[in-house]
Amino acid sequence: MSEAPSLRERCLAIELLVVDVDGVLTEGGIVYGSTGLELKRFHVRDGFALRRWRQAGKQAAVITGRSSPIVELRAQEVGIESVIQGAAEKGPAYRHLLAQAGLAPRQICYIGDDLPDLPALRDCGLAVAVADAAAAVRAAAHYVTRNPGGRAAVREVVELILRCQGLWQPSADGPRGASL
């Protein structure tokens, strides 16, 4: 029987970061304006890290069970090229994304917070639960963040992976000297 890969070994293989939105990129609350417009609050450090991720030559995607125009806007701002919204069943959406990317599951990091994320978390190389995720999600994860969803948990994961890969640069220039 072979030994399970270490966290560092898992991080070294990652090429695609897949994140949930509500509860991961946001704190999980849903706010409606008086006109029915849905509002979401994103953390600036997550956006910074996602731009760094792209500058390092990595791919990023979103799979979310809800649909909101603001998700598309935020994805554009931070360089997320693949956005799947309205995915009540995240397993099929994840497998579709995997096939499109042409990557093996070991090359995927998935960050989730609730039960619909479990199929993807169980089929990726680095399964990450945010600190305030459901207990079953934390139990299925290879790594649980110190930060809760919407509070720079994605930044924590991006920095962890890029540090393991030797691509995290704390300078303002970012990976490989690229500017923000």
C-alpha atoms as a PDB file:
ATOM      1  CA  MET A   1       0.000   0.000   0.000  1.00  0.00           C
ATOM      2  CA  SER A   2       1.445   3.364  -0.985  1.00  0.00           C
ATOM      3  CA  GLU A   3       1.694   6.250   1.424  1.00  0.00           C
ATOM      4  CA  ALA A   4      -0.643   9.218   0.915  1.00  0.00           C
ATOM      5  CA  PRO A   5       1.065  12.273  -0.599  1.00  0.00           C
ATOM      6  CA  SER A   6       2.172  14.976   1.830  1.00  0.00           C
ATOM      7  CA  LEU A   7       0.622  18.436   1.706  1.00  0.00           C
ATOM      8  CA  ARG A   8       3.749  19.721  -0.023  1.00  0.00           C
ATOM      9  CA  GLU A   9       3.586  16.953  -2.651  1.00  0.00           C
ATOM     10  CA  ARG A  10      -0.076  17.742  -3.267  1.00  0.00           C
ATOM     11  CA  CYS A  11       0.714  21.453  -3.676  1.00  0.00           C
ATOM     12  CA  LEU A  12       3.539  20.806  -6.136  1.00  0.00           C
ATOM     13  CA  ALA A  13       1.152  19.233  -8.666  1.00  0.00           C
ATOM     14  CA  ILE A  14      -1.525  21.958  -8.662  1.00  0.00           C
ATOM     15  CA  GLU A  15      -2.194  23.788 -11.934  1.00  0.00           C
ATOM     16  CA  LEU A  16      -5.902  24.639 -11.598  1.00  0.00           C
ATOM     17  CA  LEU A  17      -7.585  26.292  -8.627  1.00  0.00           C
ATOM     18  CA  VAL A  18     -11.360  25.764  -8.420  1.00  0.00           C
ATOM     19  CA  VAL A  19     -13.339  27.763  -5.869  1.00  0.00           C
ATOM     20  CA  ASP A  20     -16.907  27.943  -4.673  1.00  0.00           C
ATOM     21  CA  VAL A  21     -18.334  31.442  -4.255  1.00  0.00           C
ATOM     22  CA  ASP A  22     -20.810  31.703  -1.379  1.00  0.00           C
ATOM     23  CA  GLY A  23     -18.987  30.759   1.797  1.00  0.00           C
ATOM     24  CA  VAL A  24     -15.542  30.678   0.134  1.00  0.00           C
ATOM     25  CA  LEU A  25     -15.027  33.885  -1.867  1.00  0.00           C
ATOM     26  CA  THR A  26     -17.721  35.511   0.280  1.00  0.00           C
ATOM     27  CA  GLU A  27     -18.687  35.104   3.927  1.00  0.00           C
ATOM     28  CA  GLY A  28     -21.738  33.153   2.807  1.00  0.00           C
ATOM     29  CA  GLY A  29     -24.416  35.718   3.531  1.00  0.00           C
ATOM     30  CA  ILE A  30     -26.737  36.756   0.725  1.00  0.00           C
ATOM     31  CA  VAL A  31     -27.833  40.405   0.736  1.00  0.00           C
ATOM     32  CA  TYR A  32     -30.636  41.722  -1.440  1.00  0.00           C
ATOM     33  CA  GLY A  33     -31.057  45.395  -2.228  1.00  0.00           C
ATOM     34  CA  SER A  34     -34.513  47.018  -2.238  1.00  0.00           C
ATOM     35  CA  THR A  35     -34.810  46.352  -5.992  1.00  0.00           C
ATOM     36  CA  GLY A  36     -34.046  42.638  -5.536  1.00  0.00           C
ATOM     37  CA  LEU A  37     -30.467  43.025  -6.697  1.00  0.00           C
ATOM     38  CA  GLU A  38     -28.183  40.473  -5.054  1.00  0.00           C
ATOM     39  CA  LEU A  39     -25.083  41.917  -3.409  1.00  0.00           C
ATOM     40  CA  LYS A  40     -21.892  40.036  -2.542  1.00  0.00           C
ATOM     41  CA  ARG A  41     -18.868  41.162  -0.551  1.00  0.00           C
ATOM     42  CA  PHE A  42     -15.463  39.903  -1.714  1.00  0.00           C
ATOM     43  CA  HIS A  43     -12.203  40.215   0.197  1.00  0.00           C
ATOM     44  CA  VAL A  44      -9.513  42.310  -1.496  1.00  0.00           C
ATOM     45  CA  ARG A  45      -6.700  39.953  -0.431  1.00  0.00           C
ATOM     46  CA  ASP A  46      -8.420  37.045  -2.195  1.00  0.00           C
ATOM     47  CA  GLY A  47      -8.542  39.146  -5.362  1.00  0.00           C
ATOM     48  CA  PHE A  48      -4.871  40.059  -5.029  1.00  0.00           C
ATOM     49  CA  ALA A  49      -3.935  36.395  -4.599  1.00  0.00           C
ATOM     50  CA  LEU A  50      -6.024  35.285  -7.575  1.00  0.00           C
ATOM     51  CA  ARG A  51      -4.269  37.828  -9.778  1.00  0.00           C
ATOM     52  CA  ARG A  52      -0.912  36.530  -8.484  1.00  0.00           C
ATOM     53  CA  TRP A  53      -2.092  32.992  -9.260  1.00  0.00           C
ATOM     54  CA  ARG A  54      -2.754  33.939 -12.879  1.00  0.00           C
ATOM     55  CA  GLN A  55       0.560  35.800 -13.119  1.00  0.00           C
ATOM     56  CA  ALA A  56       2.270  32.586 -12.045  1.00  0.00           C
ATOM     57  CA  GLY A  57       0.817  30.945 -15.158  1.00  0.00           C
ATOM     58  CA  LYS A  58      -1.894  29.004 -13.343  1.00  0.00           C
ATOM     59  CA  GLN A  59      -5.563  28.492 -14.254  1.00  0.00           C
ATOM     60  CA  ALA A  60      -8.546  29.345 -12.057  1.00  0.00           C
ATOM     61  CA  ALA A  61     -12.244  28.503 -12.160  1.00  0.00           C
ATOM     62  CA  VAL A  62     -15.435  29.030 -10.185  1.00  0.00           C
ATOM     63  CA  ILE A  63     -18.199  26.507  -9.622  1.00  0.00           C
ATOM     64  CA  THR A  64     -21.191  27.879  -7.749  1.00  0.00           C
ATOM     65  CA  GLY A  65     -24.695  26.649  -7.088  1.00  0.00           C
ATOM     66  CA  ARG A  66     -26.226  30.112  -7.421  1.00  0.00           C
ATOM     67  CA  SER A  67     -26.238  32.481 -10.384  1.00  0.00           C
ATOM     68  CA  SER A  68     -25.371  36.150 -10.120  1.00  0.00           C
ATOM     69  CA  PRO A  69     -23.996  38.734 -12.581  1.00  0.00           C
ATOM     70  CA  ILE A  70     -21.648  39.990  -9.866  1.00  0.00           C
ATOM     71  CA  VAL A  71     -19.812  36.646  -9.934  1.00  0.00           C
ATOM     72  CA  GLU A  72     -18.966  37.158 -13.620  1.00  0.00           C
ATOM     73  CA  LEU A  73     -17.772  40.689 -12.876  1.00  0.00           C
ATOM     74  CA  ARG A  74     -15.536  39.578 -10.003  1.00  0.00           C
ATOM     75  CA  ALA A  75     -14.159  36.694 -12.071  1.00  0.00           C
ATOM     76  CA  GLN A  76     -13.168  39.143 -14.828  1.00  0.00           C
ATOM     77  CA  GLU A  77     -11.523  41.489 -12.312  1.00  0.00           C
ATOM     78  CA  VAL A  78      -9.297  38.777 -10.859  1.00  0.00           C
ATOM     79  CA  GLY A  79      -8.582  36.760 -14.009  1.00  0.00           C
ATOM     80  CA  ILE A  80     -10.759  33.703 -13.474  1.00  0.00           C
ATOM     81  CA  GLU A  81     -11.389  32.392 -16.967  1.00  0.00           C
ATOM     82  CA  SER A  82     -13.961  29.657 -16.311  1.00  0.00           C
ATOM     83  CA  VAL A  83     -17.174  30.369 -14.421  1.00  0.00           C
ATOM     84  CA  ILE A  84     -19.869  27.743 -13.941  1.00  0.00           C
ATOM     85  CA  GLN A  85     -22.966  29.119 -12.218  1.00  0.00           C
ATOM     86  CA  GLY A  86     -26.251  27.458 -11.272  1.00  0.00           C
ATOM     87  CA  ALA A  87     -24.522  24.122 -10.632  1.00  0.00           C
ATOM     88  CA  ALA A  88     -26.829  22.578  -8.039  1.00  0.00           C
ATOM     89  CA  GLU A  89     -24.898  19.327  -8.536  1.00  0.00           C
ATOM     90  CA  LYS A  90     -21.232  20.296  -8.401  1.00  0.00           C
ATOM     91  CA  GLY A  91     -19.843  16.830  -9.197  1.00  0.00           C
ATOM     92  CA  PRO A  92     -20.874  16.860 -12.892  1.00  0.00           C
ATOM     93  CA  ALA A  93     -19.788  20.513 -13.246  1.00  0.00           C
ATOM     94  CA  TYR A  94     -16.405  19.639 -11.743  1.00  0.00           C
ATOM     95  CA  ARG A  95     -15.924  16.637 -14.057  1.00  0.00           C
ATOM     96  CA  HIS A  96     -16.866  18.792 -17.067  1.00  0.00           C
ATOM     97  CA  LEU A  97     -14.332  21.431 -16.013  1.00  0.00           C
ATOM     98  CA  LEU A  98     -11.667  18.765 -15.522  1.00  0.00           C
ATOM     99  CA  ALA A  99     -12.263  17.399 -19.026  1.00  0.00           C
ATOM    100  CA  GLN A 100     -12.170  20.911 -20.534  1.00  0.00           C
ATOM    101  CA  ALA A 101      -8.899  21.722 -18.787  1.00  0.00           C
ATOM    102  CA  GLY A 102      -7.302  18.443 -19.859  1.00  0.00           C
ATOM    103  CA  LEU A 103      -5.819  17.970 -16.400  1.00  0.00           C
ATOM    104  CA  ALA A 104      -5.658  15.023 -14.031  1.00  0.00           C
ATOM    105  CA  PRO A 105      -7.502  15.273 -10.692  1.00  0.00           C
ATOM    106  CA  ARG A 106      -4.128  15.416  -8.857  1.00  0.00           C
ATOM    107  CA  GLN A 107      -3.490  18.785 -10.602  1.00  0.00           C
ATOM    108  CA  ILE A 108      -6.637  20.376  -9.158  1.00  0.00           C
ATOM    109  CA  CYS A 109      -7.118  22.242  -5.893  1.00  0.00           C
ATOM    110  CA  TYR A 110     -10.765  22.651  -4.955  1.00  0.00           C
ATOM    111  CA  ILE A 111     -11.834  25.003  -2.155  1.00  0.00           C
ATOM    112  CA  GLY A 112     -15.289  24.445  -0.677  1.00  0.00           C
ATOM    113  CA  ASP A 113     -17.409  24.984   2.385  1.00  0.00           C
ATOM    114  CA  ASP A 114     -20.568  22.884   2.238  1.00  0.00           C
ATOM    115  CA  LEU A 115     -22.009  19.502   1.302  1.00  0.00           C
ATOM    116  CA  PRO A 116     -22.517  20.194  -2.442  1.00  0.00           C
ATOM    117  CA  ASP A 117     -18.716  20.611  -2.668  1.00  0.00           C
ATOM    118  CA  LEU A 118     -17.975  17.073  -1.435  1.00  0.00           C
ATOM    119  CA  PRO A 119     -17.948  15.284  -4.835  1.00  0.00           C
ATOM    120  CA  ALA A 120     -15.271  17.666  -6.138  1.00  0.00           C
ATOM    121  CA  LEU A 121     -13.329  17.631  -2.868  1.00  0.00           C
ATOM    122  CA  ARG A 122     -13.201  13.832  -2.971  1.00  0.00           C
ATOM    123  CA  ASP A 123     -11.860  13.803  -6.547  1.00  0.00           C
ATOM    124  CA  CYS A 124      -9.089  16.405  -6.523  1.00  0.00           C
ATOM    125  CA  GLY A 125      -5.416  16.458  -5.660  1.00  0.00           C
ATOM    126  CA  LEU A 126      -5.734  19.089  -2.938  1.00  0.00           C
ATOM    127  CA  ALA A 127      -9.090  19.312  -1.162  1.00  0.00           C
ATOM    128  CA  VAL A 128      -9.383  22.475   0.917  1.00  0.00           C
ATOM    129  CA  ALA A 129     -12.108  23.466   3.364  1.00  0.00           C
ATOM    130  CA  VAL A 130     -12.391  26.996   4.698  1.00  0.00           C
ATOM    131  CA  ALA A 131     -12.172  27.287   8.502  1.00  0.00           C
ATOM    132  CA  ASP A 132     -15.923  27.714   8.958  1.00  0.00           C
ATOM    133  CA  ALA A 133     -16.929  24.959   6.514  1.00  0.00           C
ATOM    134  CA  ALA A 134     -19.448  22.267   7.418  1.00  0.00           C
ATOM    135  CA  ALA A 135     -17.959  19.503   9.579  1.00  0.00           C
ATOM    136  CA  ALA A 136     -18.224  16.884   6.818  1.00  0.00           C
ATOM    137  CA  VAL A 137     -16.332  19.168   4.436  1.00  0.00           C
ATOM    138  CA  ARG A 138     -13.560  19.809   6.955  1.00  0.00           C
ATOM    139  CA  ALA A 139     -13.314  16.038   7.529  1.00  0.00           C
ATOM    140  CA  ALA A 140     -12.917  15.404   3.765  1.00  0.00           C
ATOM    141  CA  ALA A 141     -10.236  18.076   3.316  1.00  0.00           C
ATOM    142  CA  HIS A 142      -6.486  17.619   3.011  1.00  0.00           C
ATOM    143  CA  TYR A 143      -6.100  21.163   4.358  1.00  0.00           C
ATOM    144  CA  VAL A 144      -8.382  23.407   6.435  1.00  0.00           C
ATOM    145  CA  THR A 145      -7.644  27.120   6.256  1.00  0.00           C
ATOM    146  CA  ARG A 146      -7.072  29.262   9.318  1.00  0.00           C
ATOM    147  CA  ASN A 147      -9.249  31.978   7.773  1.00  0.00           C
ATOM    148  CA  PRO A 148     -13.004  31.591   7.302  1.00  0.00           C
ATOM    149  CA  GLY A 149     -14.666  31.973   3.922  1.00  0.00           C
ATOM    150  CA  GLY A 150     -14.770  35.512   2.579  1.00  0.00           C
ATOM    151  CA  ARG A 151     -11.953  36.539   4.921  1.00  0.00           C
ATOM    152  CA  ALA A 152      -8.864  35.829   2.767  1.00  0.00           C
ATOM    153  CA  ALA A 153      -9.062  32.014   2.930  1.00  0.00           C
ATOM    154  CA  VAL A 154      -8.393  31.854  -0.821  1.00  0.00           C
ATOM    155  CA  ARG A 155      -5.326  34.064  -0.337  1.00  0.00           C
ATOM    156  CA  GLU A 156      -4.066  31.629   2.284  1.00  0.00           C
ATOM    157  CA  VAL A 157      -4.399  28.684  -0.120  1.00  0.00           C
ATOM    158  CA  VAL A 158      -2.865  30.481  -3.101  1.00  0.00           C
ATOM    159  CA  GLU A 159       0.115  31.564  -1.029  1.00  0.00           C
ATOM    160  CA  LEU A 160       0.546  28.033   0.372  1.00  0.00           C
ATOM    161  CA  ILE A 161       0.574  26.425  -3.085  1.00  0.00           C
ATOM    162  CA  LEU A 162       2.760  29.037  -4.763  1.00  0.00           C
ATOM    163  CA  ARG A 163       5.258  28.950  -1.867  1.00  0.00           C
ATOM    164  CA  CYS A 164       5.521  25.157  -2.219  1.00  0.00           C
ATOM    165  CA  GLN A 165       6.094  25.615  -5.951  1.00  0.00           C
ATOM    166  CA  GLY A 166       8.691  28.355  -5.418  1.00  0.00           C
ATOM    167  CA  LEU A 167       6.490  30.894  -7.216  1.00  0.00           C
ATOM    168  CA  TRP A 168       5.332  33.146  -4.377  1.00  0.00           C
ATOM    169  CA  GLN A 169       7.170  36.433  -4.281  1.00  0.00           C
ATOM    170  CA  PRO A 170       6.295  38.770  -1.411  1.00  0.00           C
ATOM    171  CA  SER A 171       7.528  41.786  -3.377  1.00  0.00           C
ATOM    172  CA  ALA A 172       5.100  44.156  -5.060  1.00  0.00           C
ATOM    173  CA  ASP A 173       6.285  42.879  -8.440  1.00  0.00           C
ATOM    174  CA  GLY A 174       4.701  39.446  -7.956  1.00  0.00           C
ATOM    175  CA  PRO A 175       5.684  36.128  -9.480  1.00  0.00           C
ATOM    176  CA  ARG A 176       8.426  36.220 -12.074  1.00  0.00           C
ATOM    177  CA  GLY A 177       8.676  40.001 -11.814  1.00  0.00           C
ATOM    178  CA  ALA A 178       5.187  40.598 -13.227  1.00  0.00           C
ATOM    179  CA  SER A 179       3.429  43.760 -12.163  1.00  0.00           C
ATOM    180  CA  LEU A 180      -0.082  43.979 -10.814  1.00  0.00           C
END
